[in-house]
Amino acid sequence: MKDATSRTEAQKSLLDILDKRPLWVNKCTSKLFVILLSLEEERSINEVFSYLTEEMVIDLFVEAKTQYYHYLDVTRWNY
């Protein structure tokens, strides 16, 4: 998962996540994230992103990043 410091970077990272659909993404349960997961075409996803505010995109990114690091903590052995 790529880190993001702006809306465009967060959007690129989210598009990458939505394209690959890793296992941990099922833990992202906000309504907007579920809608994005249900869309098939990248063009449709970009259209939804165009209607979102910067804060909403960043909130989606934070939700995905939180679940990603939670997944790493749970599945990784610490020696």
PDB file of N, CA and C in Angstrom:
ATOM      1  N   MET A   1       0.844  -1.175   0.000  1.00  0.00           N
ATOM      2  CA  MET A   1       0.000   0.000   0.000  1.00  0.00           C
ATOM      3  C   MET A   1       0.888   1.237   0.000  1.00  0.00           C
ATOM      4  N   LYS A   2       0.591   2.149  -0.897  1.00  0.00           N
ATOM      5  CA  LYS A   2       1.382   3.370  -1.016  1.00  0.00           C
ATOM      6  C   LYS A   2       0.873   4.420  -0.041  1.00  0.00           C
ATOM      7  N   ASP A   3       1.793   5.192   0.531  1.00  0.00           N
ATOM      8  CA  ASP A   3       1.398   6.297   1.392  1.00  0.00           C
ATOM      9  C   ASP A   3       0.942   7.459   0.531  1.00  0.00           C
ATOM     10  N   ALA A   4       0.141   8.335   1.116  1.00  0.00           N
ATOM     11  CA  ALA A   4      -0.385   9.475   0.376  1.00  0.00           C
ATOM     12  C   ALA A   4      -0.358  10.720   1.248  1.00  0.00           C
ATOM     13  N   THR A   5      -0.009  11.836   0.618  1.00  0.00           N
ATOM     14  CA  THR A   5      -0.007  13.110   1.328  1.00  0.00           C
ATOM     15  C   THR A   5      -0.940  14.122   0.676  1.00  0.00           C
ATOM     16  N   SER A   6      -1.590  13.745  -0.419  1.00  0.00           N
ATOM     17  CA  SER A   6      -2.525  14.640  -1.093  1.00  0.00           C
ATOM     18  C   SER A   6      -3.713  13.838  -1.623  1.00  0.00           C
ATOM     19  N   ARG A   7      -4.679  14.557  -2.127  1.00  0.00           N
ATOM     20  CA  ARG A   7      -5.879  13.900  -2.658  1.00  0.00           C
ATOM     21  C   ARG A   7      -5.530  13.006  -3.839  1.00  0.00           C
ATOM     22  N   THR A   8      -4.710  13.485  -4.748  1.00  0.00           N
ATOM     23  CA  THR A   8      -4.400  12.685  -5.938  1.00  0.00           C
ATOM     24  C   THR A   8      -3.639  11.417  -5.585  1.00  0.00           C
ATOM     25  N   GLU A   9      -2.713  11.503  -4.632  1.00  0.00           N
ATOM     26  CA  GLU A   9      -1.976  10.315  -4.206  1.00  0.00           C
ATOM     27  C   GLU A   9      -2.900   9.335  -3.496  1.00  0.00           C
ATOM     28  N   ALA A  10      -3.804   9.845  -2.672  1.00  0.00           N
ATOM     29  CA  ALA A  10      -4.764   8.978  -1.989  1.00  0.00           C
ATOM     30  C   ALA A  10      -5.681   8.300  -2.999  1.00  0.00           C
ATOM     31  N   GLN A  11      -6.087   9.043  -4.003  1.00  0.00           N
ATOM     32  CA  GLN A  11      -6.960   8.497  -5.036  1.00  0.00           C
ATOM     33  C   GLN A  11      -6.247   7.403  -5.829  1.00  0.00           C
ATOM     34  N   LYS A  12      -4.986   7.620  -6.174  1.00  0.00           N
ATOM     35  CA  LYS A  12      -4.206   6.600  -6.896  1.00  0.00           C
ATOM     36  C   LYS A  12      -4.051   5.342  -6.048  1.00  0.00           C
ATOM     37  N   SER A  13      -3.772   5.528  -4.778  1.00  0.00           N
ATOM     38  CA  SER A  13      -3.615   4.386  -3.884  1.00  0.00           C
ATOM     39  C   SER A  13      -4.929   3.619  -3.746  1.00  0.00           C
ATOM     40  N   LEU A  14      -6.033   4.334  -3.622  1.00  0.00           N
ATOM     41  CA  LEU A  14      -7.337   3.681  -3.527  1.00  0.00           C
ATOM     42  C   LEU A  14      -7.690   2.944  -4.816  1.00  0.00           C
ATOM     43  N   LEU A  15      -7.359   3.530  -5.956  1.00  0.00           N
ATOM     44  CA  LEU A  15      -7.607   2.842  -7.234  1.00  0.00           C
ATOM     45  C   LEU A  15      -6.808   1.555  -7.319  1.00  0.00           C
ATOM     46  N   ASP A  16      -5.570   1.588  -6.830  1.00  0.00           N
ATOM     47  CA  ASP A  16      -4.736   0.390  -6.809  1.00  0.00           C
ATOM     48  C   ASP A  16      -5.354  -0.682  -5.905  1.00  0.00           C
ATOM     49  N   ILE A  17      -5.839  -0.267  -4.752  1.00  0.00           N
ATOM     50  CA  ILE A  17      -6.481  -1.197  -3.823  1.00  0.00           C
ATOM     51  C   ILE A  17      -7.742  -1.789  -4.454  1.00  0.00           C
ATOM     52  N   LEU A  18      -8.558  -0.941  -5.061  1.00  0.00           N
ATOM     53  CA  LEU A  18      -9.796  -1.411  -5.669  1.00  0.00           C
ATOM     54  C   LEU A  18      -9.535  -2.315  -6.865  1.00  0.00           C
ATOM     55  N   ASP A  19      -8.416  -2.111  -7.532  1.00  0.00           N
ATOM     56  CA  ASP A  19      -8.062  -2.955  -8.674  1.00  0.00           C
ATOM     57  C   ASP A  19      -7.613  -4.345  -8.211  1.00  0.00           C
ATOM     58  N   LYS A  20      -6.779  -4.388  -7.181  1.00  0.00           N
ATOM     59  CA  LYS A  20      -6.229  -5.666  -6.710  1.00  0.00           C
ATOM     60  C   LYS A  20      -7.164  -6.393  -5.739  1.00  0.00           C
ATOM     61  N   ARG A  21      -7.991  -5.658  -5.021  1.00  0.00           N
ATOM     62  CA  ARG A  21      -8.955  -6.214  -4.062  1.00  0.00           C
ATOM     63  C   ARG A  21      -8.344  -7.259  -3.128  1.00  0.00           C
ATOM     64  N   PRO A  22      -7.382  -6.833  -2.306  1.00  0.00           N
ATOM     65  CA  PRO A  22      -6.789  -7.786  -1.357  1.00  0.00           C
ATOM     66  C   PRO A  22      -7.813  -8.239  -0.312  1.00  0.00           C
ATOM     67  N   LEU A  23      -7.480  -9.289   0.390  1.00  0.00           N
ATOM     68  CA  LEU A  23      -8.395  -9.890   1.356  1.00  0.00           C
ATOM     69  C   LEU A  23      -8.822  -8.908   2.450  1.00  0.00           C
ATOM     70  N   TRP A  24      -7.903  -8.104   2.936  1.00  0.00           N
ATOM     71  CA  TRP A  24      -8.196  -7.215   4.050  1.00  0.00           C
ATOM     72  C   TRP A  24      -9.168  -6.099   3.681  1.00  0.00           C
ATOM     73  N   VAL A  25      -9.390  -5.857   2.406  1.00  0.00           N
ATOM     74  CA  VAL A  25     -10.283  -4.766   2.000  1.00  0.00           C
ATOM     75  C   VAL A  25     -11.736  -5.071   2.392  1.00  0.00           C
ATOM     76  N   ASN A  26     -12.055  -6.328   2.660  1.00  0.00           N
ATOM     77  CA  ASN A  26     -13.406  -6.677   3.105  1.00  0.00           C
ATOM     78  C   ASN A  26     -13.724  -6.107   4.482  1.00  0.00           C
ATOM     79  N   LYS A  27     -12.709  -5.718   5.224  1.00  0.00           N
ATOM     80  CA  LYS A  27     -12.913  -5.128   6.553  1.00  0.00           C
ATOM     81  C   LYS A  27     -13.268  -3.639   6.474  1.00  0.00           C
ATOM     82  N   CYS A  28     -13.132  -3.041   5.311  1.00  0.00           N
ATOM     83  CA  CYS A  28     -13.508  -1.640   5.107  1.00  0.00           C
ATOM     84  C   CYS A  28     -15.013  -1.595   4.900  1.00  0.00           C
ATOM     85  N   THR A  29     -15.746  -1.085   5.874  1.00  0.00           N
ATOM     86  CA  THR A  29     -17.194  -1.218   5.853  1.00  0.00           C
ATOM     87  C   THR A  29     -17.957   0.100   5.745  1.00  0.00           C
ATOM     88  N   SER A  30     -17.294   1.204   5.495  1.00  0.00           N
ATOM     89  CA  SER A  30     -18.051   2.446   5.327  1.00  0.00           C
ATOM     90  C   SER A  30     -18.908   2.336   4.066  1.00  0.00           C
ATOM     91  N   LYS A  31     -20.022   3.031   4.068  1.00  0.00           N
ATOM     92  CA  LYS A  31     -20.969   2.944   2.952  1.00  0.00           C
ATOM     93  C   LYS A  31     -20.312   3.315   1.626  1.00  0.00           C
ATOM     94  N   LEU A  32     -19.510   4.364   1.646  1.00  0.00           N
ATOM     95  CA  LEU A  32     -18.863   4.815   0.419  1.00  0.00           C
ATOM     96  C   LEU A  32     -17.861   3.789  -0.096  1.00  0.00           C
ATOM     97  N   PHE A  33     -17.141   3.154   0.807  1.00  0.00           N
ATOM     98  CA  PHE A  33     -16.170   2.137   0.395  1.00  0.00           C
ATOM     99  C   PHE A  33     -16.887   0.935  -0.221  1.00  0.00           C
ATOM    100  N   VAL A  34     -18.011   0.558   0.350  1.00  0.00           N
ATOM    101  CA  VAL A  34     -18.785  -0.560  -0.185  1.00  0.00           C
ATOM    102  C   VAL A  34     -19.305  -0.230  -1.581  1.00  0.00           C
ATOM    103  N   ILE A  35     -19.739   1.009  -1.781  1.00  0.00           N
ATOM    104  CA  ILE A  35     -20.189   1.424  -3.110  1.00  0.00           C
ATOM    105  C   ILE A  35     -19.044   1.338  -4.108  1.00  0.00           C
ATOM    106  N   LEU A  36     -17.871   1.825  -3.725  1.00  0.00           N
ATOM    107  CA  LEU A  36     -16.717   1.770  -4.627  1.00  0.00           C
ATOM    108  C   LEU A  36     -16.330   0.330  -4.942  1.00  0.00           C
ATOM    109  N   LEU A  37     -16.427  -0.557  -3.965  1.00  0.00           N
ATOM    110  CA  LEU A  37     -16.110  -1.967  -4.194  1.00  0.00           C
ATOM    111  C   LEU A  37     -17.094  -2.624  -5.161  1.00  0.00           C
ATOM    112  N   SER A  38     -18.314  -2.135  -5.186  1.00  0.00           N
ATOM    113  CA  SER A  38     -19.319  -2.738  -6.061  1.00  0.00           C
ATOM    114  C   SER A  38     -19.161  -2.310  -7.515  1.00  0.00           C
ATOM    115  N   LEU A  39     -18.432  -1.232  -7.759  1.00  0.00           N
ATOM    116  CA  LEU A  39     -18.224  -0.763  -9.131  1.00  0.00           C
ATOM    117  C   LEU A  39     -17.145  -1.582  -9.817  1.00  0.00           C
ATOM    118  N   GLU A  40     -17.348  -1.875 -11.074  1.00  0.00           N
ATOM    119  CA  GLU A  40     -16.418  -2.718 -11.824  1.00  0.00           C
ATOM    120  C   GLU A  40     -15.398  -1.906 -12.627  1.00  0.00           C
ATOM    121  N   GLU A  41     -15.854  -0.875 -13.309  1.00  0.00           N
ATOM    122  CA  GLU A  41     -14.991  -0.140 -14.229  1.00  0.00           C
ATOM    123  C   GLU A  41     -14.263   1.005 -13.527  1.00  0.00           C
ATOM    124  N   GLU A  42     -13.016   1.195 -13.907  1.00  0.00           N
ATOM    125  CA  GLU A  42     -12.224   2.278 -13.320  1.00  0.00           C
ATOM    126  C   GLU A  42     -12.825   3.633 -13.682  1.00  0.00           C
ATOM    127  N   ARG A  43     -13.432   3.722 -14.850  1.00  0.00           N
ATOM    128  CA  ARG A  43     -14.048   4.978 -15.268  1.00  0.00           C
ATOM    129  C   ARG A  43     -15.187   5.356 -14.317  1.00  0.00           C
ATOM    130  N   SER A  44     -15.979   4.376 -13.908  1.00  0.00           N
ATOM    131  CA  SER A  44     -17.073   4.630 -12.961  1.00  0.00           C
ATOM    132  C   SER A  44     -16.538   5.055 -11.601  1.00  0.00           C
ATOM    133  N   ILE A  45     -15.466   4.415 -11.181  1.00  0.00           N
ATOM    134  CA  ILE A  45     -14.852   4.759  -9.887  1.00  0.00           C
ATOM    135  C   ILE A  45     -14.300   6.178  -9.931  1.00  0.00           C
ATOM    136  N   ASN A  46     -13.642   6.548 -11.033  1.00  0.00           N
ATOM    137  CA  ASN A  46     -13.120   7.910 -11.173  1.00  0.00           C
ATOM    138  C   ASN A  46     -14.245   8.939 -11.182  1.00  0.00           C
ATOM    139  N   GLU A  47     -15.380   8.570 -11.759  1.00  0.00           N
ATOM    140  CA  GLU A  47     -16.529   9.480 -11.767  1.00  0.00           C
ATOM    141  C   GLU A  47     -17.028   9.723 -10.347  1.00  0.00           C
ATOM    142  N   VAL A  48     -17.084   8.672  -9.539  1.00  0.00           N
ATOM    143  CA  VAL A  48     -17.496   8.830  -8.142  1.00  0.00           C
ATOM    144  C   VAL A  48     -16.482   9.698  -7.401  1.00  0.00           C
ATOM    145  N   PHE A  49     -15.187   9.465  -7.649  1.00  0.00           N
ATOM    146  CA  PHE A  49     -14.148  10.274  -6.998  1.00  0.00           C
ATOM    147  C   PHE A  49     -14.291  11.751  -7.354  1.00  0.00           C
ATOM    148  N   SER A  50     -14.728  12.054  -8.558  1.00  0.00           N
ATOM    149  CA  SER A  50     -14.855  13.456  -8.964  1.00  0.00           C
ATOM    150  C   SER A  50     -15.928  14.190  -8.153  1.00  0.00           C
ATOM    151  N   TYR A  51     -16.899  13.454  -7.615  1.00  0.00           N
ATOM    152  CA  TYR A  51     -17.959  14.080  -6.815  1.00  0.00           C
ATOM    153  C   TYR A  51     -17.599  14.181  -5.335  1.00  0.00           C
ATOM    154  N   LEU A  52     -16.543  13.532  -4.912  1.00  0.00           N
ATOM    155  CA  LEU A  52     -16.170  13.530  -3.499  1.00  0.00           C
ATOM    156  C   LEU A  52     -15.316  14.730  -3.151  1.00  0.00           C
ATOM    157  N   THR A  53     -15.441  15.183  -1.914  1.00  0.00           N
ATOM    158  CA  THR A  53     -14.571  16.248  -1.442  1.00  0.00           C
ATOM    159  C   THR A  53     -13.210  15.652  -1.079  1.00  0.00           C
ATOM    160  N   GLU A  54     -12.237  16.512  -0.912  1.00  0.00           N
ATOM    161  CA  GLU A  54     -10.890  16.058  -0.552  1.00  0.00           C
ATOM    162  C   GLU A  54     -10.920  15.318   0.784  1.00  0.00           C
ATOM    163  N   GLU A  55     -11.701  15.815   1.711  1.00  0.00           N
ATOM    164  CA  GLU A  55     -11.793  15.188   3.031  1.00  0.00           C
ATOM    165  C   GLU A  55     -12.359  13.768   2.932  1.00  0.00           C
ATOM    166  N   MET A  56     -13.336  13.568   2.073  1.00  0.00           N
ATOM    167  CA  MET A  56     -13.946  12.246   1.923  1.00  0.00           C
ATOM    168  C   MET A  56     -12.955  11.242   1.331  1.00  0.00           C
ATOM    169  N   VAL A  57     -12.161  11.684   0.352  1.00  0.00           N
ATOM    170  CA  VAL A  57     -11.157  10.804  -0.256  1.00  0.00           C
ATOM    171  C   VAL A  57     -10.101  10.427   0.772  1.00  0.00           C
ATOM    172  N   ILE A  58      -9.667  11.404   1.541  1.00  0.00           N
ATOM    173  CA  ILE A  58      -8.652  11.142   2.561  1.00  0.00           C
ATOM    174  C   ILE A  58      -9.213  10.227   3.649  1.00  0.00           C
ATOM    175  N   ASP A  59     -10.476  10.407   4.024  1.00  0.00           N
ATOM    176  CA  ASP A  59     -11.099   9.518   5.009  1.00  0.00           C
ATOM    177  C   ASP A  59     -11.148   8.078   4.503  1.00  0.00           C
ATOM    178  N   LEU A  60     -11.461   7.892   3.222  1.00  0.00           N
ATOM    179  CA  LEU A  60     -11.447   6.546   2.630  1.00  0.00           C
ATOM    180  C   LEU A  60     -10.051   5.951   2.674  1.00  0.00           C
ATOM    181  N   PHE A  61      -9.054   6.778   2.362  1.00  0.00           N
ATOM    182  CA  PHE A  61      -7.672   6.312   2.391  1.00  0.00           C
ATOM    183  C   PHE A  61      -7.259   5.916   3.801  1.00  0.00           C
ATOM    184  N   VAL A  62      -7.631   6.720   4.781  1.00  0.00           N
ATOM    185  CA  VAL A  62      -7.286   6.428   6.177  1.00  0.00           C
ATOM    186  C   VAL A  62      -7.945   5.126   6.620  1.00  0.00           C
ATOM    187  N   GLU A  63      -9.199   4.913   6.219  1.00  0.00           N
ATOM    188  CA  GLU A  63      -9.882   3.666   6.566  1.00  0.00           C
ATOM    189  C   GLU A  63      -9.148   2.466   5.963  1.00  0.00           C
ATOM    190  N   ALA A  64      -8.766   2.573   4.689  1.00  0.00           N
ATOM    191  CA  ALA A  64      -8.055   1.477   4.033  1.00  0.00           C
ATOM    192  C   ALA A  64      -6.692   1.251   4.676  1.00  0.00           C
ATOM    193  N   LYS A  65      -5.993   2.326   4.969  1.00  0.00           N
ATOM    194  CA  LYS A  65      -4.660   2.208   5.569  1.00  0.00           C
ATOM    195  C   LYS A  65      -4.739   1.577   6.961  1.00  0.00           C
ATOM    196  N   THR A  66      -5.755   1.955   7.734  1.00  0.00           N
ATOM    197  CA  THR A  66      -5.945   1.380   9.068  1.00  0.00           C
ATOM    198  C   THR A  66      -6.166  -0.123   8.977  1.00  0.00           C
ATOM    199  N   GLN A  67      -7.024  -0.546   8.067  1.00  0.00           N
ATOM    200  CA  GLN A  67      -7.294  -1.973   7.914  1.00  0.00           C
ATOM    201  C   GLN A  67      -6.068  -2.717   7.387  1.00  0.00           C
ATOM    202  N   TYR A  68      -5.292  -2.073   6.526  1.00  0.00           N
ATOM    203  CA  TYR A  68      -4.069  -2.693   5.999  1.00  0.00           C
ATOM    204  C   TYR A  68      -3.078  -2.959   7.130  1.00  0.00           C
ATOM    205  N   TYR A  69      -2.829  -1.961   7.959  1.00  0.00           N
ATOM    206  CA  TYR A  69      -1.872  -2.152   9.049  1.00  0.00           C
ATOM    207  C   TYR A  69      -2.409  -3.098  10.120  1.00  0.00           C
ATOM    208  N   HIS A  70      -3.710  -3.104  10.327  1.00  0.00           N
ATOM    209  CA  HIS A  70      -4.305  -4.077  11.247  1.00  0.00           C
ATOM    210  C   HIS A  70      -4.094  -5.494  10.707  1.00  0.00           C
ATOM    211  N   TYR A  71      -4.290  -5.671   9.422  1.00  0.00           N
ATOM    212  CA  TYR A  71      -4.073  -6.970   8.779  1.00  0.00           C
ATOM    213  C   TYR A  71      -2.613  -7.411   8.934  1.00  0.00           C
ATOM    214  N   LEU A  72      -1.678  -6.484   8.736  1.00  0.00           N
ATOM    215  CA  LEU A  72      -0.260  -6.824   8.900  1.00  0.00           C
ATOM    216  C   LEU A  72       0.054  -7.217  10.341  1.00  0.00           C
ATOM    217  N   ASP A  73      -0.507  -6.490  11.294  1.00  0.00           N
ATOM    218  CA  ASP A  73      -0.261  -6.798  12.708  1.00  0.00           C
ATOM    219  C   ASP A  73      -0.798  -8.170  13.087  1.00  0.00           C
ATOM    220  N   VAL A  74      -1.952  -8.523  12.566  1.00  0.00           N
ATOM    221  CA  VAL A  74      -2.582  -9.786  12.926  1.00  0.00           C
ATOM    222  C   VAL A  74      -1.886 -10.967  12.254  1.00  0.00           C
ATOM    223  N   THR A  75      -1.427 -10.784  11.033  1.00  0.00           N
ATOM    224  CA  THR A  75      -0.889 -11.921  10.266  1.00  0.00           C
ATOM    225  C   THR A  75       0.630 -12.068  10.349  1.00  0.00           C
ATOM    226  N   ARG A  76       1.307 -11.090  10.847  1.00  0.00           N
ATOM    227  CA  ARG A  76       2.773 -11.134  10.897  1.00  0.00           C
ATOM    228  C   ARG A  76       3.246 -11.600  12.251  1.00  0.00           C
ATOM    229  N   TRP A  77       4.204 -12.512  12.237  1.00  0.00           N
ATOM    230  CA  TRP A  77       4.802 -12.961  13.492  1.00  0.00           C
ATOM    231  C   TRP A  77       5.883 -11.982  13.914  1.00  0.00           C
ATOM    232  N   ASN A  78       5.868 -11.602  15.166  1.00  0.00           N
ATOM    233  CA  ASN A  78       6.889 -10.694  15.698  1.00  0.00           C
ATOM    234  C   ASN A  78       7.878 -11.501  16.534  1.00  0.00           C
ATOM    235  N   TYR A  79       9.093 -11.542  16.074  1.00  0.00           N
ATOM    236  CA  TYR A  79      10.152 -12.253  16.803  1.00  0.00           C
ATOM    237  C   TYR A  79      11.143 -11.270  17.373  1.00  0.00           C
TER     238      TYR A  79
END
